[in-house]
Amino acid sequence: MDVGIDATGVRRSFGTVQAVQDVTFAALPGRVTGLVGPNGSGKTTLMLMLASLLQPDAGEMRIGGVDPIADPTGARRLLGWMPDSLGAWPSLTAREVLVATAQLYDIPRTAARARADELLELVDLAPLATSAARVLSRGQKQRLALARALVHDPKVLLLDEPASGLDPQARIALRVLLRRLAGEGRTILISSHVLSELEEVVDDAVFMMDGRTVGTDRVAAAATRTRSWRVRLLTDPSRGAEAGRTEVAAALGRARDEIGVDRRDLLVPFADEAGAVAGLRALVGAGVPVVEFAPAVGDLEHAFLDLRVGPGGEGSPA
């Protein structure tokens, strides 16, 4: 069975507030799909509807072909839901949280305990198995919430800000785990407003602005517009990046004012990647001591920032 996510024309209001106005997208099995948007764009409301915890005002949703509103039990057997905070049973130990969750899915107690211990190892919480959930740190609660979402071996994962509160090592471990889970054929939808976290793990991205999904044609256009590249030179640290502006501008045939400065780096705009390649070749050919040359922001952040100030206005739909 092709267990993916499909949403068409989904809407949800709270009184006069239109939290989700028009959302249409698909997330495919074996891939990690990022749900990208600023705070207040409707990401969490959409996640709650997909998780069968909130009913839409209009539109259709399917989890592996199952309508999460008409058949919430069927949908919940297919999906694992990780909210942005643990929010359950603070007096239970980490192991007890997972055992209780497993039993809610009709997993026998012996099998539930074995599954709990397996998942505690997976998310590096085995040493805290007997600690009450309330004493766990924010990052540890996030890892327990992920384990809880995985307890019944779901085919679809809905993860709302899963990296919130994680330390750098735990964030790397999370990325590795998500890639492994996707490699097993699961559909993973991950919501975050920290785009650098998504950049290294997602295969696809769905952009939301003011409760609407942005058309793919507009996203593609945003991704190809002029972006800045970060250039770092081998210079005397006491002089800073400012000292290299004239040299870089001359090598590229640009006005000095076109070259920006960000701490130790210069910011040079190029129309596309071919222009960046030509620019690097010109710098090296002119003997400019380049030690770093890379996009100033990742692809997701570049597209997102451009969408917010694009030709249709901030956050306007395609």
C-alpha atoms as a PDB file:
ATOM      1  CA  MET A   1       0.000   0.000   0.000  1.00  0.00           C
ATOM      2  CA  ASP A   2       1.254   3.478  -0.909  1.00  0.00           C
ATOM      3  CA  VAL A   3       1.148   5.111   2.512  1.00  0.00           C
ATOM      4  CA  GLY A   4       1.623   8.814   1.825  1.00  0.00           C
ATOM      5  CA  ILE A   5      -0.143  12.028   2.823  1.00  0.00           C
ATOM      6  CA  ASP A   6      -2.547  13.917   0.567  1.00  0.00           C
ATOM      7  CA  ALA A   7      -4.338  17.154   1.395  1.00  0.00           C
ATOM      8  CA  THR A   8      -6.587  19.162  -0.935  1.00  0.00           C
ATOM      9  CA  GLY A   9      -8.193  22.537  -0.232  1.00  0.00           C
ATOM     10  CA  VAL A  10      -7.939  22.176   3.561  1.00  0.00           C
ATOM     11  CA  ARG A  11      -9.272  25.055   5.656  1.00  0.00           C
ATOM     12  CA  ARG A  12      -9.733  25.777   9.348  1.00  0.00           C
ATOM     13  CA  SER A  13     -10.827  28.898  11.221  1.00  0.00           C
ATOM     14  CA  PHE A  14     -11.046  29.807  14.897  1.00  0.00           C
ATOM     15  CA  GLY A  15     -13.786  32.401  15.074  1.00  0.00           C
ATOM     16  CA  THR A  16     -12.695  35.208  12.782  1.00  0.00           C
ATOM     17  CA  VAL A  17      -9.106  33.954  12.594  1.00  0.00           C
ATOM     18  CA  GLN A  18      -8.427  31.930   9.439  1.00  0.00           C
ATOM     19  CA  ALA A  19      -5.557  29.740  10.625  1.00  0.00           C
ATOM     20  CA  VAL A  20      -5.495  27.514   7.531  1.00  0.00           C
ATOM     21  CA  GLN A  21      -7.066  29.083   4.444  1.00  0.00           C
ATOM     22  CA  ASP A  22      -6.170  26.806   1.539  1.00  0.00           C
ATOM     23  CA  VAL A  23      -3.664  23.968   1.839  1.00  0.00           C
ATOM     24  CA  THR A  24      -2.969  21.468  -0.922  1.00  0.00           C
ATOM     25  CA  PHE A  25       0.093  19.202  -0.971  1.00  0.00           C
ATOM     26  CA  ALA A  26       1.333  15.612  -1.053  1.00  0.00           C
ATOM     27  CA  ALA A  27       4.068  13.890   0.970  1.00  0.00           C
ATOM     28  CA  LEU A  28       5.497  10.694  -0.483  1.00  0.00           C
ATOM     29  CA  PRO A  29       6.635   7.427   1.110  1.00  0.00           C
ATOM     30  CA  GLY A  30      10.375   7.031   1.518  1.00  0.00           C
ATOM     31  CA  ARG A  31      10.918  10.776   1.646  1.00  0.00           C
ATOM     32  CA  VAL A  32      11.201  13.489   4.284  1.00  0.00           C
ATOM     33  CA  THR A  33       8.976  16.457   3.483  1.00  0.00           C
ATOM     34  CA  GLY A  34       9.580  19.751   5.248  1.00  0.00           C
ATOM     35  CA  LEU A  35       6.649  22.016   6.143  1.00  0.00           C
ATOM     36  CA  VAL A  36       8.187  25.474   5.961  1.00  0.00           C
ATOM     37  CA  GLY A  37       6.663  28.719   7.147  1.00  0.00           C
ATOM     38  CA  PRO A  38       6.950  31.505   9.719  1.00  0.00           C
ATOM     39  CA  ASN A  39       5.325  31.301  13.131  1.00  0.00           C
ATOM     40  CA  GLY A  40       1.582  31.800  12.729  1.00  0.00           C
ATOM     41  CA  SER A  41       1.448  30.434   9.177  1.00  0.00           C
ATOM     42  CA  GLY A  42      -0.820  27.525  10.160  1.00  0.00           C
ATOM     43  CA  LYS A  43       1.703  24.684  10.304  1.00  0.00           C
ATOM     44  CA  THR A  44       0.695  23.309  13.711  1.00  0.00           C
ATOM     45  CA  THR A  45      -3.027  23.650  12.944  1.00  0.00           C
ATOM     46  CA  LEU A  46      -2.488  21.643   9.772  1.00  0.00           C
ATOM     47  CA  MET A  47      -0.522  19.010  11.685  1.00  0.00           C
ATOM     48  CA  LEU A  48      -3.314  18.682  14.250  1.00  0.00           C
ATOM     49  CA  MET A  49      -5.844  18.108  11.471  1.00  0.00           C
ATOM     50  CA  LEU A  50      -3.679  15.483   9.804  1.00  0.00           C
ATOM     51  CA  ALA A  51      -3.275  13.777  13.179  1.00  0.00           C
ATOM     52  CA  SER A  52      -7.105  13.561  13.451  1.00  0.00           C
ATOM     53  CA  LEU A  53      -7.089  15.827  16.519  1.00  0.00           C
ATOM     54  CA  LEU A  54      -8.821  18.764  14.846  1.00  0.00           C
ATOM     55  CA  GLN A  55     -11.573  18.753  12.241  1.00  0.00           C
ATOM     56  CA  PRO A  56     -11.144  20.907   9.129  1.00  0.00           C
ATOM     57  CA  ASP A  57     -13.880  23.291   8.026  1.00  0.00           C
ATOM     58  CA  ALA A  58     -13.420  22.222   4.424  1.00  0.00           C
ATOM     59  CA  GLY A  59     -11.177  20.159   2.168  1.00  0.00           C
ATOM     60  CA  GLU A  60     -10.002  16.556   2.064  1.00  0.00           C
ATOM     61  CA  MET A  61      -7.122  14.737   3.759  1.00  0.00           C
ATOM     62  CA  ARG A  62      -5.848  11.197   3.409  1.00  0.00           C
ATOM     63  CA  ILE A  63      -3.243   9.233   5.357  1.00  0.00           C
ATOM     64  CA  GLY A  64      -2.435   6.189   3.235  1.00  0.00           C
ATOM     65  CA  GLY A  65      -5.876   6.523   1.681  1.00  0.00           C
ATOM     66  CA  VAL A  66      -7.572   6.776   5.103  1.00  0.00           C
ATOM     67  CA  ASP A  67      -9.611   9.862   5.987  1.00  0.00           C
ATOM     68  CA  PRO A  68      -8.343  10.894   9.473  1.00  0.00           C
ATOM     69  CA  ILE A  69     -11.689  12.545  10.275  1.00  0.00           C
ATOM     70  CA  ALA A  70     -14.042   9.823   9.038  1.00  0.00           C
ATOM     71  CA  ASP A  71     -11.821   7.014  10.358  1.00  0.00           C
ATOM     72  CA  PRO A  72      -9.524   8.429  13.074  1.00  0.00           C
ATOM     73  CA  THR A  73      -8.736   4.978  14.499  1.00  0.00           C
ATOM     74  CA  GLY A  74      -7.614   3.694  11.115  1.00  0.00           C
ATOM     75  CA  ALA A  75      -5.483   6.783  10.516  1.00  0.00           C
ATOM     76  CA  ARG A  76      -3.885   6.642  13.973  1.00  0.00           C
ATOM     77  CA  ARG A  77      -2.749   3.081  13.403  1.00  0.00           C
ATOM     78  CA  LEU A  78      -0.834   4.317  10.376  1.00  0.00           C
ATOM     79  CA  LEU A  79       0.661   7.480  11.814  1.00  0.00           C
ATOM     80  CA  GLY A  80       2.917   8.545  14.651  1.00  0.00           C
ATOM     81  CA  TRP A  81       2.326  12.044  16.021  1.00  0.00           C
ATOM     82  CA  MET A  82       5.003  14.065  17.787  1.00  0.00           C
ATOM     83  CA  PRO A  83       3.737  17.426  19.094  1.00  0.00           C
ATOM     84  CA  ASP A  84       6.117  20.266  19.910  1.00  0.00           C
ATOM     85  CA  SER A  85       5.990  19.352  23.626  1.00  0.00           C
ATOM     86  CA  LEU A  86       5.670  16.016  25.421  1.00  0.00           C
ATOM     87  CA  GLY A  87       2.511  16.902  27.326  1.00  0.00           C
ATOM     88  CA  ALA A  88       1.659  13.542  28.945  1.00  0.00           C
ATOM     89  CA  TRP A  89       1.934  11.707  32.267  1.00  0.00           C
ATOM     90  CA  PRO A  90       4.728  13.651  34.021  1.00  0.00           C
ATOM     91  CA  SER A  91       4.719  11.311  37.023  1.00  0.00           C
ATOM     92  CA  LEU A  92       5.429   8.207  34.902  1.00  0.00           C
ATOM     93  CA  THR A  93       8.971   7.119  34.145  1.00  0.00           C
ATOM     94  CA  ALA A  94      10.285   7.294  30.600  1.00  0.00           C
ATOM     95  CA  ARG A  95       9.800   3.531  30.236  1.00  0.00           C
ATOM     96  CA  GLU A  96       6.279   3.671  31.694  1.00  0.00           C
ATOM     97  CA  VAL A  97       5.292   6.432  29.243  1.00  0.00           C
ATOM     98  CA  LEU A  98       6.252   4.190  26.334  1.00  0.00           C
ATOM     99  CA  VAL A  99       4.686   1.041  27.804  1.00  0.00           C
ATOM    100  CA  ALA A 100       1.398   2.861  28.452  1.00  0.00           C
ATOM    101  CA  THR A 101       1.401   4.294  24.926  1.00  0.00           C
ATOM    102  CA  ALA A 102       2.094   0.862  23.425  1.00  0.00           C
ATOM    103  CA  GLN A 103      -0.817  -0.638  25.343  1.00  0.00           C
ATOM    104  CA  LEU A 104      -3.121   2.022  23.930  1.00  0.00           C
ATOM    105  CA  TYR A 105      -2.291   0.454  20.560  1.00  0.00           C
ATOM    106  CA  ASP A 106      -3.250  -3.002  21.912  1.00  0.00           C
ATOM    107  CA  ILE A 107       0.357  -4.169  22.190  1.00  0.00           C
ATOM    108  CA  PRO A 108       0.582  -6.822  24.976  1.00  0.00           C
ATOM    109  CA  ARG A 109       2.425  -5.683  28.114  1.00  0.00           C
ATOM    110  CA  THR A 110       5.448  -7.975  27.659  1.00  0.00           C
ATOM    111  CA  ALA A 111       5.894  -6.880  24.055  1.00  0.00           C
ATOM    112  CA  ALA A 112       5.265  -3.275  25.117  1.00  0.00           C
ATOM    113  CA  ARG A 113       8.128  -3.392  27.640  1.00  0.00           C
ATOM    114  CA  ALA A 114      10.476  -4.881  25.041  1.00  0.00           C
ATOM    115  CA  ARG A 115       9.463  -2.201  22.527  1.00  0.00           C
ATOM    116  CA  ALA A 116       9.934   0.534  25.148  1.00  0.00           C
ATOM    117  CA  ASP A 117      13.477  -0.614  25.936  1.00  0.00           C
ATOM    118  CA  GLU A 118      14.292  -0.835  22.217  1.00  0.00           C
ATOM    119  CA  LEU A 119      13.094   2.715  21.633  1.00  0.00           C
ATOM    120  CA  LEU A 120      14.871   4.123  24.699  1.00  0.00           C
ATOM    121  CA  GLU A 121      18.103   2.772  23.230  1.00  0.00           C
ATOM    122  CA  LEU A 122      17.219   4.216  19.838  1.00  0.00           C
ATOM    123  CA  VAL A 123      16.775   7.766  21.174  1.00  0.00           C
ATOM    124  CA  ASP A 124      19.650   7.480  23.690  1.00  0.00           C
ATOM    125  CA  LEU A 125      17.471   7.595  26.822  1.00  0.00           C
ATOM    126  CA  ALA A 126      18.204   4.124  28.205  1.00  0.00           C
ATOM    127  CA  PRO A 127      20.110   5.549  31.240  1.00  0.00           C
ATOM    128  CA  LEU A 128      16.983   7.569  32.112  1.00  0.00           C
ATOM    129  CA  ALA A 129      14.477   4.725  31.705  1.00  0.00           C
ATOM    130  CA  THR A 130      13.429   4.890  35.361  1.00  0.00           C
ATOM    131  CA  SER A 131      13.435   8.694  35.631  1.00  0.00           C
ATOM    132  CA  ALA A 132      10.093  10.499  35.868  1.00  0.00           C
ATOM    133  CA  ALA A 133       9.184  12.357  32.707  1.00  0.00           C
ATOM    134  CA  ARG A 134       8.808  15.598  34.654  1.00  0.00           C
ATOM    135  CA  VAL A 135      12.529  15.710  35.553  1.00  0.00           C
ATOM    136  CA  LEU A 136      13.724  15.331  31.977  1.00  0.00           C
ATOM    137  CA  SER A 137      15.228  18.315  30.202  1.00  0.00           C
ATOM    138  CA  ARG A 138      13.493  19.900  27.218  1.00  0.00           C
ATOM    139  CA  GLY A 139      15.729  18.007  24.797  1.00  0.00           C
ATOM    140  CA  GLN A 140      15.232  14.706  26.626  1.00  0.00           C
ATOM    141  CA  LYS A 141      11.462  15.186  26.550  1.00  0.00           C
ATOM    142  CA  GLN A 142      11.694  15.769  22.803  1.00  0.00           C
ATOM    143  CA  ARG A 143      13.533  12.473  22.365  1.00  0.00           C
ATOM    144  CA  LEU A 144      10.956  10.689  24.516  1.00  0.00           C
ATOM    145  CA  ALA A 145       8.174  12.227  22.429  1.00  0.00           C
ATOM    146  CA  LEU A 146       9.804  10.869  19.278  1.00  0.00           C
ATOM    147  CA  ALA A 147      10.079   7.410  20.851  1.00  0.00           C
ATOM    148  CA  ARG A 148       6.417   7.611  21.777  1.00  0.00           C
ATOM    149  CA  ALA A 149       5.489   8.452  18.193  1.00  0.00           C
ATOM    150  CA  LEU A 150       7.382   5.361  17.010  1.00  0.00           C
ATOM    151  CA  VAL A 151       5.996   2.922  19.558  1.00  0.00           C
ATOM    152  CA  HIS A 152       3.545   1.175  17.187  1.00  0.00           C
ATOM    153  CA  ASP A 153       5.924   1.173  14.190  1.00  0.00           C
ATOM    154  CA  PRO A 154       3.891   3.690  12.128  1.00  0.00           C
ATOM    155  CA  LYS A 155       4.203   4.115   8.381  1.00  0.00           C
ATOM    156  CA  VAL A 156       3.673   7.891   8.565  1.00  0.00           C
ATOM    157  CA  LEU A 157       5.340  10.333  10.971  1.00  0.00           C
ATOM    158  CA  LEU A 158       4.067  13.837  11.748  1.00  0.00           C
ATOM    159  CA  LEU A 159       6.797  15.726  13.620  1.00  0.00           C
ATOM    160  CA  ASP A 160       6.174  19.255  14.901  1.00  0.00           C
ATOM    161  CA  GLU A 161       9.456  21.047  15.728  1.00  0.00           C
ATOM    162  CA  PRO A 162      11.249  17.791  16.657  1.00  0.00           C
ATOM    163  CA  ALA A 163      14.680  19.402  17.088  1.00  0.00           C
ATOM    164  CA  SER A 164      13.513  22.035  19.570  1.00  0.00           C
ATOM    165  CA  GLY A 165      15.692  21.908  22.688  1.00  0.00           C
ATOM    166  CA  LEU A 166      18.127  19.340  21.322  1.00  0.00           C
ATOM    167  CA  ASP A 167      21.867  19.865  21.744  1.00  0.00           C
ATOM    168  CA  PRO A 168      24.105  19.730  18.624  1.00  0.00           C
ATOM    169  CA  GLN A 169      24.980  16.057  19.038  1.00  0.00           C
ATOM    170  CA  ALA A 170      21.312  15.097  19.488  1.00  0.00           C
ATOM    171  CA  ARG A 171      20.361  17.115  16.390  1.00  0.00           C
ATOM    172  CA  ILE A 172      22.860  15.182  14.310  1.00  0.00           C
ATOM    173  CA  ALA A 173      21.549  11.893  15.718  1.00  0.00           C
ATOM    174  CA  LEU A 174      17.988  12.986  14.875  1.00  0.00           C
ATOM    175  CA  ARG A 175      18.927  13.729  11.267  1.00  0.00           C
ATOM    176  CA  VAL A 176      20.568  10.324  10.913  1.00  0.00           C
ATOM    177  CA  LEU A 177      17.532   8.594  12.427  1.00  0.00           C
ATOM    178  CA  LEU A 178      15.056  10.424  10.189  1.00  0.00           C
ATOM    179  CA  ARG A 179      17.033   9.488   7.084  1.00  0.00           C
ATOM    180  CA  ARG A 180      17.074   5.869   8.255  1.00  0.00           C
ATOM    181  CA  LEU A 181      13.312   5.864   8.894  1.00  0.00           C
ATOM    182  CA  ALA A 182      12.639   7.358   5.466  1.00  0.00           C
ATOM    183  CA  GLY A 183      14.937   4.752   3.948  1.00  0.00           C
ATOM    184  CA  GLU A 184      12.634   2.102   5.414  1.00  0.00           C
ATOM    185  CA  GLY A 185       9.814   3.503   3.271  1.00  0.00           C
ATOM    186  CA  ARG A 186       8.052   5.700   5.816  1.00  0.00           C
ATOM    187  CA  THR A 187       6.446   9.034   4.968  1.00  0.00           C
ATOM    188  CA  ILE A 188       7.826  11.785   7.197  1.00  0.00           C
ATOM    189  CA  LEU A 189       6.328  15.270   7.435  1.00  0.00           C
ATOM    190  CA  ILE A 190       8.414  17.565   9.608  1.00  0.00           C
ATOM    191  CA  SER A 191       7.455  21.095  10.590  1.00  0.00           C
ATOM    192  CA  SER A 192      10.043  23.658  11.612  1.00  0.00           C
ATOM    193  CA  HIS A 193      10.761  27.344  11.271  1.00  0.00           C
ATOM    194  CA  VAL A 194      14.508  26.730  11.756  1.00  0.00           C
ATOM    195  CA  LEU A 195      15.407  26.209   8.119  1.00  0.00           C
ATOM    196  CA  SER A 196      19.029  25.269   8.696  1.00  0.00           C
ATOM    197  CA  GLU A 197      17.760  22.163  10.541  1.00  0.00           C
ATOM    198  CA  LEU A 198      15.530  21.146   7.656  1.00  0.00           C
ATOM    199  CA  GLU A 199      18.099  21.825   4.952  1.00  0.00           C
ATOM    200  CA  GLU A 200      20.202  18.763   5.753  1.00  0.00           C
ATOM    201  CA  VAL A 201      17.384  16.242   6.139  1.00  0.00           C
ATOM    202  CA  VAL A 202      14.457  17.002   3.802  1.00  0.00           C
ATOM    203  CA  ASP A 203      13.911  15.698   0.285  1.00  0.00           C
ATOM    204  CA  ASP A 204      10.939  17.945  -0.498  1.00  0.00           C
ATOM    205  CA  ALA A 205       9.483  21.154   0.936  1.00  0.00           C
ATOM    206  CA  VAL A 206       5.979  22.562   1.253  1.00  0.00           C
ATOM    207  CA  PHE A 207       5.919  26.325   1.862  1.00  0.00           C
ATOM    208  CA  MET A 208       3.079  27.926   3.848  1.00  0.00           C
ATOM    209  CA  MET A 209       2.320  31.642   4.027  1.00  0.00           C
ATOM    210  CA  ASP A 210      -0.675  33.069   5.888  1.00  0.00           C
ATOM    211  CA  GLY A 211      -2.397  29.702   6.025  1.00  0.00           C
ATOM    212  CA  ARG A 212      -1.901  28.850   2.361  1.00  0.00           C
ATOM    213  CA  THR A 213       0.473  26.589   0.522  1.00  0.00           C
ATOM    214  CA  VAL A 214       2.554  28.443  -2.032  1.00  0.00           C
ATOM    215  CA  GLY A 215       2.345  27.290  -5.657  1.00  0.00           C
ATOM    216  CA  THR A 216       5.271  25.214  -6.926  1.00  0.00           C
ATOM    217  CA  ASP A 217       5.854  27.592  -9.844  1.00  0.00           C
ATOM    218  CA  ARG A 218       6.340  30.516  -7.487  1.00  0.00           C
ATOM    219  CA  VAL A 219       8.619  28.474  -5.220  1.00  0.00           C
ATOM    220  CA  ALA A 220      10.729  27.459  -8.226  1.00  0.00           C
ATOM    221  CA  ALA A 221      10.980  31.099  -9.363  1.00  0.00           C
ATOM    222  CA  ALA A 222      11.985  32.226  -5.867  1.00  0.00           C
ATOM    223  CA  ALA A 223      14.699  29.581  -5.658  1.00  0.00           C
ATOM    224  CA  THR A 224      16.373  30.808  -8.850  1.00  0.00           C
ATOM    225  CA  ARG A 225      16.532  34.529  -8.083  1.00  0.00           C
ATOM    226  CA  THR A 226      19.746  36.363  -7.267  1.00  0.00           C
ATOM    227  CA  ARG A 227      21.354  35.300  -4.004  1.00  0.00           C
ATOM    228  CA  SER A 228      24.405  36.340  -2.041  1.00  0.00           C
ATOM    229  CA  TRP A 229      27.483  34.147  -1.723  1.00  0.00           C
ATOM    230  CA  ARG A 230      29.744  34.285   1.290  1.00  0.00           C
ATOM    231  CA  VAL A 231      33.403  34.940   0.424  1.00  0.00           C
ATOM    232  CA  ARG A 232      36.153  34.731   3.020  1.00  0.00           C
ATOM    233  CA  LEU A 233      39.677  35.896   2.221  1.00  0.00           C
ATOM    234  CA  LEU A 234      43.017  35.092   3.779  1.00  0.00           C
ATOM    235  CA  THR A 235      43.699  38.480   5.346  1.00  0.00           C
ATOM    236  CA  ASP A 236      45.107  40.030   8.498  1.00  0.00           C
ATOM    237  CA  PRO A 237      42.374  39.458  11.141  1.00  0.00           C
ATOM    238  CA  SER A 238      42.992  42.898  12.559  1.00  0.00           C
ATOM    239  CA  ARG A 239      41.953  44.483   9.245  1.00  0.00           C
ATOM    240  CA  GLY A 240      38.683  42.498   8.927  1.00  0.00           C
ATOM    241  CA  ALA A 241      36.741  41.708   5.770  1.00  0.00           C
ATOM    242  CA  GLU A 242      36.330  45.384   4.870  1.00  0.00           C
ATOM    243  CA  ALA A 243      39.920  45.453   3.650  1.00  0.00           C
ATOM    244  CA  GLY A 244      39.130  42.981   0.856  1.00  0.00           C
ATOM    245  CA  ARG A 245      36.100  44.746  -0.639  1.00  0.00           C
ATOM    246  CA  THR A 246      38.067  46.815  -3.127  1.00  0.00           C
ATOM    247  CA  GLU A 247      40.152  43.828  -4.239  1.00  0.00           C
ATOM    248  CA  VAL A 248      37.122  41.586  -4.761  1.00  0.00           C
ATOM    249  CA  ALA A 249      35.136  44.316  -6.521  1.00  0.00           C
ATOM    250  CA  ALA A 250      38.018  44.964  -8.928  1.00  0.00           C
ATOM    251  CA  ALA A 251      38.440  41.256  -9.724  1.00  0.00           C
ATOM    252  CA  LEU A 252      34.719  40.903 -10.464  1.00  0.00           C
ATOM    253  CA  GLY A 253      34.339  44.203 -12.305  1.00  0.00           C
ATOM    254  CA  ARG A 254      31.792  45.398  -9.743  1.00  0.00           C
ATOM    255  CA  ALA A 255      31.269  48.629  -7.857  1.00  0.00           C
ATOM    256  CA  ARG A 256      32.676  48.411  -4.328  1.00  0.00           C
ATOM    257  CA  ASP A 257      29.240  49.214  -2.853  1.00  0.00           C
ATOM    258  CA  GLU A 258      27.818  46.024  -4.412  1.00  0.00           C
ATOM    259  CA  ILE A 259      29.941  43.946  -2.049  1.00  0.00           C
ATOM    260  CA  GLY A 260      28.451  43.569   1.432  1.00  0.00           C
ATOM    261  CA  VAL A 261      30.278  42.820   4.682  1.00  0.00           C
ATOM    262  CA  ASP A 262      29.200  40.374   7.379  1.00  0.00           C
ATOM    263  CA  ARG A 263      31.786  40.158  10.167  1.00  0.00           C
ATOM    264  CA  ARG A 264      34.779  38.292   8.637  1.00  0.00           C
ATOM    265  CA  ASP A 265      33.083  37.629   5.295  1.00  0.00           C
ATOM    266  CA  LEU A 266      32.138  39.474   2.167  1.00  0.00           C
ATOM    267  CA  LEU A 267      28.685  39.013   0.612  1.00  0.00           C
ATOM    268  CA  VAL A 268      28.670  38.981  -3.174  1.00  0.00           C
ATOM    269  CA  PRO A 269      25.421  38.710  -5.177  1.00  0.00           C
ATOM    270  CA  PHE A 270      25.281  36.384  -8.196  1.00  0.00           C
ATOM    271  CA  ALA A 271      22.339  35.793 -10.502  1.00  0.00           C
ATOM    272  CA  ASP A 272      22.748  32.011 -10.537  1.00  0.00           C
ATOM    273  CA  GLU A 273      25.205  29.195  -9.860  1.00  0.00           C
ATOM    274  CA  ALA A 274      26.857  29.624 -13.256  1.00  0.00           C
ATOM    275  CA  GLY A 275      27.546  33.247 -12.344  1.00  0.00           C
ATOM    276  CA  ALA A 276      29.004  32.147  -9.010  1.00  0.00           C
ATOM    277  CA  VAL A 277      31.326  29.692 -10.784  1.00  0.00           C
ATOM    278  CA  ALA A 278      32.506  32.438 -13.133  1.00  0.00           C
ATOM    279  CA  GLY A 279      32.985  34.769 -10.179  1.00  0.00           C
ATOM    280  CA  LEU A 280      35.116  32.283  -8.274  1.00  0.00           C
ATOM    281  CA  ARG A 281      37.205  31.663 -11.375  1.00  0.00           C
ATOM    282  CA  ALA A 282      37.750  35.421 -11.740  1.00  0.00           C
ATOM    283  CA  LEU A 283      38.786  35.817  -8.117  1.00  0.00           C
ATOM    284  CA  VAL A 284      41.271  32.969  -8.259  1.00  0.00           C
ATOM    285  CA  GLY A 285      42.591  34.173 -11.614  1.00  0.00           C
ATOM    286  CA  ALA A 286      43.201  37.623 -10.139  1.00  0.00           C
ATOM    287  CA  GLY A 287      45.182  36.117  -7.264  1.00  0.00           C
ATOM    288  CA  VAL A 288      42.606  36.976  -4.613  1.00  0.00           C
ATOM    289  CA  PRO A 289      43.316  34.693  -1.587  1.00  0.00           C
ATOM    290  CA  VAL A 290      39.890  32.984  -1.307  1.00  0.00           C
ATOM    291  CA  VAL A 291      39.634  30.460   1.540  1.00  0.00           C
ATOM    292  CA  GLU A 292      35.839  30.025   1.571  1.00  0.00           C
ATOM    293  CA  PHE A 293      33.186  30.467  -1.112  1.00  0.00           C
ATOM    294  CA  ALA A 294      29.618  29.264  -0.500  1.00  0.00           C
ATOM    295  CA  PRO A 295      25.964  30.387  -0.624  1.00  0.00           C
ATOM    296  CA  ALA A 296      25.224  32.766   2.253  1.00  0.00           C
ATOM    297  CA  VAL A 297      22.003  30.836   2.995  1.00  0.00           C
ATOM    298  CA  GLY A 298      20.730  27.367   2.122  1.00  0.00           C
ATOM    299  CA  ASP A 299      18.272  26.664  -0.678  1.00  0.00           C
ATOM    300  CA  LEU A 300      15.255  26.519   1.658  1.00  0.00           C
ATOM    301  CA  GLU A 301      16.096  29.771   3.409  1.00  0.00           C
ATOM    302  CA  HIS A 302      16.803  31.516   0.125  1.00  0.00           C
ATOM    303  CA  ALA A 303      13.458  30.452  -1.341  1.00  0.00           C
ATOM    304  CA  PHE A 304      11.603  31.270   1.868  1.00  0.00           C
ATOM    305  CA  LEU A 305      13.081  34.758   2.222  1.00  0.00           C
ATOM    306  CA  ASP A 306      12.395  35.504  -1.423  1.00  0.00           C
ATOM    307  CA  LEU A 307       8.792  34.339  -1.109  1.00  0.00           C
ATOM    308  CA  ARG A 308       8.198  36.738   1.782  1.00  0.00           C
ATOM    309  CA  VAL A 309       9.284  39.749  -0.258  1.00  0.00           C
ATOM    310  CA  GLY A 310       8.428  38.426  -3.728  1.00  0.00           C
ATOM    311  CA  PRO A 311       6.489  40.130  -6.485  1.00  0.00           C
ATOM    312  CA  GLY A 312       3.142  39.225  -4.963  1.00  0.00           C
ATOM    313  CA  GLY A 313       3.983  40.886  -1.666  1.00  0.00           C
ATOM    314  CA  GLU A 314       4.880  39.373   1.668  1.00  0.00           C
ATOM    315  CA  GLY A 315       3.222  36.045   2.164  1.00  0.00           C
ATOM    316  CA  SER A 316       0.892  36.450  -0.809  1.00  0.00           C
ATOM    317  CA  PRO A 317      -0.386  33.260  -2.414  1.00  0.00           C
ATOM    318  CA  ALA A 318       0.667  32.132  -5.841  1.00  0.00           C
END
